[in-house]
PDB file of N, CA and C in Angstrom:
ATOM      1  N   MET A   1      16.640  -0.564  -2.288  1.00  0.00           N
ATOM      2  CA  MET A   1      16.587   0.690  -3.049  1.00  0.00           C
ATOM      3  C   MET A   1      18.171   0.290  -3.135  1.00  0.00           C
ATOM      4  N   ILE A   2      18.569   0.470  -4.970  1.00  0.00           N
ATOM      5  CA  ILE A   2      19.921   0.210  -5.123  1.00  0.00           C
ATOM      6  C   ILE A   2      20.368   1.290  -5.633  1.00  0.00           C
ATOM      7  N   GLU A   3      21.647   1.585  -5.059  1.00  0.00           N
ATOM      8  CA  GLU A   3      21.912   3.485  -5.434  1.00  0.00           C
ATOM      9  C   GLU A   3      23.415   3.466  -5.663  1.00  0.00           C
ATOM     10  N   ASP A   4      23.805   4.041  -6.768  1.00  0.00           N
ATOM     11  CA  ASP A   4      25.171   3.666  -6.510  1.00  0.00           C
ATOM     12  C   ASP A   4      25.804   2.453  -6.819  1.00  0.00           C
ATOM     13  N   GLY A   5      25.367   1.526  -7.109  1.00  0.00           N
ATOM     14  CA  GLY A   5      25.593   0.087  -6.837  1.00  0.00           C
ATOM     15  C   GLY A   5      25.782  -0.259  -5.374  1.00  0.00           C
ATOM     16  N   LYS A   6      25.196   0.233  -4.576  1.00  0.00           N
ATOM     17  CA  LYS A   6      25.328  -0.269  -3.030  1.00  0.00           C
ATOM     18  C   LYS A   6      23.572   0.002  -2.421  1.00  0.00           C
ATOM     19  N   GLU A   7      23.189  -1.202  -1.945  1.00  0.00           N
ATOM     20  CA  GLU A   7      21.981  -1.058  -1.107  1.00  0.00           C
ATOM     21  C   GLU A   7      21.502  -0.461   0.137  1.00  0.00           C
ATOM     22  N   ILE A   8      20.745   0.494  -0.391  1.00  0.00           N
ATOM     23  CA  ILE A   8      19.937   1.805   0.897  1.00  0.00           C
ATOM     24  C   ILE A   8      18.959   0.987   1.448  1.00  0.00           C
ATOM     25  N   LEU A   9      19.489   1.322   2.578  1.00  0.00           N
ATOM     26  CA  LEU A   9      17.893   1.014   3.081  1.00  0.00           C
ATOM     27  C   LEU A   9      17.330   1.843   3.829  1.00  0.00           C
ATOM     28  N   GLN A  10      15.770   2.383   3.707  1.00  0.00           N
ATOM     29  CA  GLN A  10      15.320   3.352   4.289  1.00  0.00           C
ATOM     30  C   GLN A  10      13.830   2.944   4.640  1.00  0.00           C
ATOM     31  N   LEU A  11      12.966   3.720   5.756  1.00  0.00           N
ATOM     32  CA  LEU A  11      12.172   3.591   6.333  1.00  0.00           C
ATOM     33  C   LEU A  11      11.542   5.046   5.432  1.00  0.00           C
ATOM     34  N   GLN A  12      10.182   5.029   4.911  1.00  0.00           N
ATOM     35  CA  GLN A  12       9.206   5.541   4.636  1.00  0.00           C
ATOM     36  C   GLN A  12       7.600   5.651   5.189  1.00  0.00           C
ATOM     37  N   TYR A  13       7.204   6.701   5.679  1.00  0.00           N
ATOM     38  CA  TYR A  13       6.038   6.726   6.668  1.00  0.00           C
ATOM     39  C   TYR A  13       4.887   7.878   6.326  1.00  0.00           C
ATOM     40  N   GLU A  14       3.840   7.602   6.541  1.00  0.00           N
ATOM     41  CA  GLU A  14       3.020   9.031   6.333  1.00  0.00           C
ATOM     42  C   GLU A  14       1.950   8.718   8.140  1.00  0.00           C
ATOM     43  N   GLN A  15       2.133  10.262   8.362  1.00  0.00           N
ATOM     44  CA  GLN A  15       0.684  10.203   9.532  1.00  0.00           C
ATOM     45  C   GLN A  15       0.047  11.516   9.201  1.00  0.00           C
ATOM     46  N   ILE A  16      -1.279  11.182   9.557  1.00  0.00           N
ATOM     47  CA  ILE A  16      -2.150  12.308   9.844  1.00  0.00           C
ATOM     48  C   ILE A  16      -2.332  12.874  11.038  1.00  0.00           C
ATOM     49  N   VAL A  17      -2.271  14.356  11.179  1.00  0.00           N
ATOM     50  CA  VAL A  17      -2.453  15.027  12.363  1.00  0.00           C
ATOM     51  C   VAL A  17      -3.828  15.869  11.887  1.00  0.00           C
ATOM     52  N   PHE A  18      -4.110  15.720  13.136  1.00  0.00           N
ATOM     53  CA  PHE A  18      -5.925  17.381  12.655  1.00  0.00           C
ATOM     54  C   PHE A  18      -5.716  18.502  13.695  1.00  0.00           C
ATOM     55  N   PHE A  19      -5.277  19.525  13.355  1.00  0.00           N
ATOM     56  CA  PHE A  19      -4.977  20.204  14.571  1.00  0.00           C
ATOM     57  C   PHE A  19      -6.707  21.107  14.665  1.00  0.00           C
ATOM     58  N   GLU A  20      -7.016  21.485  15.622  1.00  0.00           N
ATOM     59  CA  GLU A  20      -8.177  22.224  16.211  1.00  0.00           C
ATOM     60  C   GLU A  20      -8.209  23.378  16.279  1.00  0.00           C
ATOM     61  N   SER A  21      -9.207  24.021  16.438  1.00  0.00           N
ATOM     62  CA  SER A  21      -9.383  25.624  16.590  1.00  0.00           C
ATOM     63  C   SER A  21     -10.282  26.006  16.967  1.00  0.00           C
ATOM     64  N   ASP A  22     -10.281  26.613  18.281  1.00  0.00           N
ATOM     65  CA  ASP A  22     -11.886  27.461  18.458  1.00  0.00           C
ATOM     66  C   ASP A  22     -12.066  28.703  17.772  1.00  0.00           C
ATOM     67  N   PHE A  23     -13.091  28.525  17.011  1.00  0.00           N
ATOM     68  CA  PHE A  23     -13.686  29.877  16.648  1.00  0.00           C
ATOM     69  C   PHE A  23     -15.205  30.064  17.430  1.00  0.00           C
ATOM     70  N   GLY A  24     -14.802  31.834  17.328  1.00  0.00           N
ATOM     71  CA  GLY A  24     -16.595  32.289  17.568  1.00  0.00           C
ATOM     72  C   GLY A  24     -16.870  32.252  19.049  1.00  0.00           C
ATOM     73  N   ASN A  25     -17.909  32.286  19.774  1.00  0.00           N
ATOM     74  CA  ASN A  25     -18.614  32.666  20.752  1.00  0.00           C
ATOM     75  C   ASN A  25     -19.126  30.957  21.224  1.00  0.00           C
ATOM     76  N   ASP A  26     -20.018  30.640  20.184  1.00  0.00           N
ATOM     77  CA  ASP A  26     -20.586  29.295  20.693  1.00  0.00           C
ATOM     78  C   ASP A  26     -19.849  28.073  20.866  1.00  0.00           C
ATOM     79  N   GLY A  27     -18.592  27.779  21.123  1.00  0.00           N
ATOM     80  CA  GLY A  27     -17.340  26.738  21.699  1.00  0.00           C
ATOM     81  C   GLY A  27     -17.506  25.968  20.831  1.00  0.00           C
ATOM     82  N   GLY A  28     -17.673  25.895  19.423  1.00  0.00           N
ATOM     83  CA  GLY A  28     -17.581  25.234  18.566  1.00  0.00           C
ATOM     84  C   GLY A  28     -16.119  25.200  17.750  1.00  0.00           C
ATOM     85  N   THR A  29     -15.401  23.982  17.667  1.00  0.00           N
ATOM     86  CA  THR A  29     -14.138  23.718  16.545  1.00  0.00           C
ATOM     87  C   THR A  29     -13.943  23.476  15.575  1.00  0.00           C
ATOM     88  N   THR A  30     -13.293  23.371  14.741  1.00  0.00           N
ATOM     89  CA  THR A  30     -12.842  23.648  13.311  1.00  0.00           C
ATOM     90  C   THR A  30     -11.652  22.005  13.576  1.00  0.00           C
ATOM     91  N   SER A  31     -11.425  21.402  12.489  1.00  0.00           N
ATOM     92  CA  SER A  31     -10.403  20.249  12.583  1.00  0.00           C
ATOM     93  C   SER A  31      -9.896  20.399  11.254  1.00  0.00           C
ATOM     94  N   TRP A  32      -8.624  20.660  10.699  1.00  0.00           N
ATOM     95  CA  TRP A  32      -7.669  20.697   9.869  1.00  0.00           C
ATOM     96  C   TRP A  32      -6.830  19.283   9.610  1.00  0.00           C
ATOM     97  N   PRO A  33      -7.236  18.679   8.695  1.00  0.00           N
ATOM     98  CA  PRO A  33      -5.826  17.658   8.794  1.00  0.00           C
ATOM     99  C   PRO A  33      -4.587  18.032   8.138  1.00  0.00           C
ATOM    100  N   HIS A  34      -3.281  17.477   8.693  1.00  0.00           N
ATOM    101  CA  HIS A  34      -2.104  17.867   8.427  1.00  0.00           C
ATOM    102  C   HIS A  34      -1.820  16.506   8.285  1.00  0.00           C
ATOM    103  N   ILE A  35      -1.141  16.196   6.927  1.00  0.00           N
ATOM    104  CA  ILE A  35      -0.085  15.009   6.328  1.00  0.00           C
ATOM    105  C   ILE A  35       1.241  15.346   5.842  1.00  0.00           C
ATOM    106  N   GLN A  36       1.276  13.977   6.689  1.00  0.00           N
ATOM    107  CA  GLN A  36       3.312  14.349   6.974  1.00  0.00           C
ATOM    108  C   GLN A  36       3.638  12.961   5.906  1.00  0.00           C
ATOM    109  N   VAL A  37       4.162  13.113   4.920  1.00  0.00           N
ATOM    110  CA  VAL A  37       5.116  12.446   4.396  1.00  0.00           C
ATOM    111  C   VAL A  37       6.212  11.893   4.399  1.00  0.00           C
ATOM    112  N   ASN A  38       7.096  11.021   4.954  1.00  0.00           N
ATOM    113  CA  ASN A  38       9.321  11.269   5.524  1.00  0.00           C
ATOM    114  C   ASN A  38       9.415  10.258   4.744  1.00  0.00           C
ATOM    115  N   THR A  39      11.019   9.777   4.395  1.00  0.00           N
ATOM    116  CA  THR A  39      12.008   9.375   4.006  1.00  0.00           C
ATOM    117  C   THR A  39      12.953   9.088   4.961  1.00  0.00           C
ATOM    118  N   LEU A  40      12.756   8.532   5.792  1.00  0.00           N
ATOM    119  CA  LEU A  40      14.362   8.493   6.434  1.00  0.00           C
ATOM    120  C   LEU A  40      15.187   7.112   6.267  1.00  0.00           C
ATOM    121  N   ARG A  41      16.741   7.667   6.156  1.00  0.00           N
ATOM    122  CA  ARG A  41      17.843   7.114   5.812  1.00  0.00           C
ATOM    123  C   ARG A  41      18.774   6.986   7.044  1.00  0.00           C
ATOM    124  N   LYS A  42      19.516   6.425   6.885  1.00  0.00           N
ATOM    125  CA  LYS A  42      21.073   6.270   7.646  1.00  0.00           C
ATOM    126  C   LYS A  42      21.583   7.793   6.880  1.00  0.00           C
ATOM    127  N   LEU A  43      22.612   8.645   8.355  1.00  0.00           N
ATOM    128  CA  LEU A  43      22.920   9.071   8.335  1.00  0.00           C
ATOM    129  C   LEU A  43      24.476   8.992   7.033  1.00  0.00           C
ATOM    130  N   GLN A  44      24.966   7.612   7.158  1.00  0.00           N
ATOM    131  CA  GLN A  44      26.093   7.627   6.280  1.00  0.00           C
ATOM    132  C   GLN A  44      25.383   6.922   5.204  1.00  0.00           C
ATOM    133  N   ASP A  45      24.412   6.716   4.326  1.00  0.00           N
ATOM    134  CA  ASP A  45      23.902   6.805   3.349  1.00  0.00           C
ATOM    135  C   ASP A  45      23.238   8.021   2.939  1.00  0.00           C
ATOM    136  N   ILE A  46      23.389   8.985   3.389  1.00  0.00           N
ATOM    137  CA  ILE A  46      23.257  10.338   2.449  1.00  0.00           C
ATOM    138  C   ILE A  46      24.386  10.537   2.011  1.00  0.00           C
ATOM    139  N   PRO A  47      24.055  11.369   0.295  1.00  0.00           N
ATOM    140  CA  PRO A  47      24.874  11.986   0.246  1.00  0.00           C
ATOM    141  C   PRO A  47      25.601  13.245   1.090  1.00  0.00           C
ATOM    142  N   GLU A  48      26.976  13.653   0.935  1.00  0.00           N
ATOM    143  CA  GLU A  48      27.269  15.134   1.373  1.00  0.00           C
ATOM    144  C   GLU A  48      26.931  16.025   1.267  1.00  0.00           C
ATOM    145  N   ASP A  49      26.597  16.495  -0.116  1.00  0.00           N
ATOM    146  CA  ASP A  49      25.565  17.360  -0.532  1.00  0.00           C
ATOM    147  C   ASP A  49      24.651  17.508   0.373  1.00  0.00           C
ATOM    148  N   GLN A  50      23.875  16.489   0.752  1.00  0.00           N
ATOM    149  CA  GLN A  50      22.529  16.030   0.669  1.00  0.00           C
ATOM    150  C   GLN A  50      22.205  16.014   2.253  1.00  0.00           C
ATOM    151  N   GLU A  51      23.558  16.477   2.981  1.00  0.00           N
ATOM    152  CA  GLU A  51      23.132  16.044   5.008  1.00  0.00           C
ATOM    153  C   GLU A  51      22.443  17.577   4.884  1.00  0.00           C
ATOM    154  N   ARG A  52      21.412  17.252   6.006  1.00  0.00           N
ATOM    155  CA  ARG A  52      20.939  18.469   6.373  1.00  0.00           C
ATOM    156  C   ARG A  52      21.140  18.663   8.213  1.00  0.00           C
ATOM    157  N   VAL A  53      21.869  18.585   8.842  1.00  0.00           N
ATOM    158  CA  VAL A  53      21.929  18.096  10.198  1.00  0.00           C
ATOM    159  C   VAL A  53      21.680  19.360  11.365  1.00  0.00           C
TER     160      VAL A  53
END
């Protein structure tokens, strides 16, 4: 990616996690998918006004 004339390297990934909960007295479980999508950059490539450390 080129940003302000500088090449910026970033890593983008996704992951799916299933949360399971027990409901009722019959021992059954319920699964909920939770999808996470993220982008990682080196700290020096993030503008100061967007840094959250």
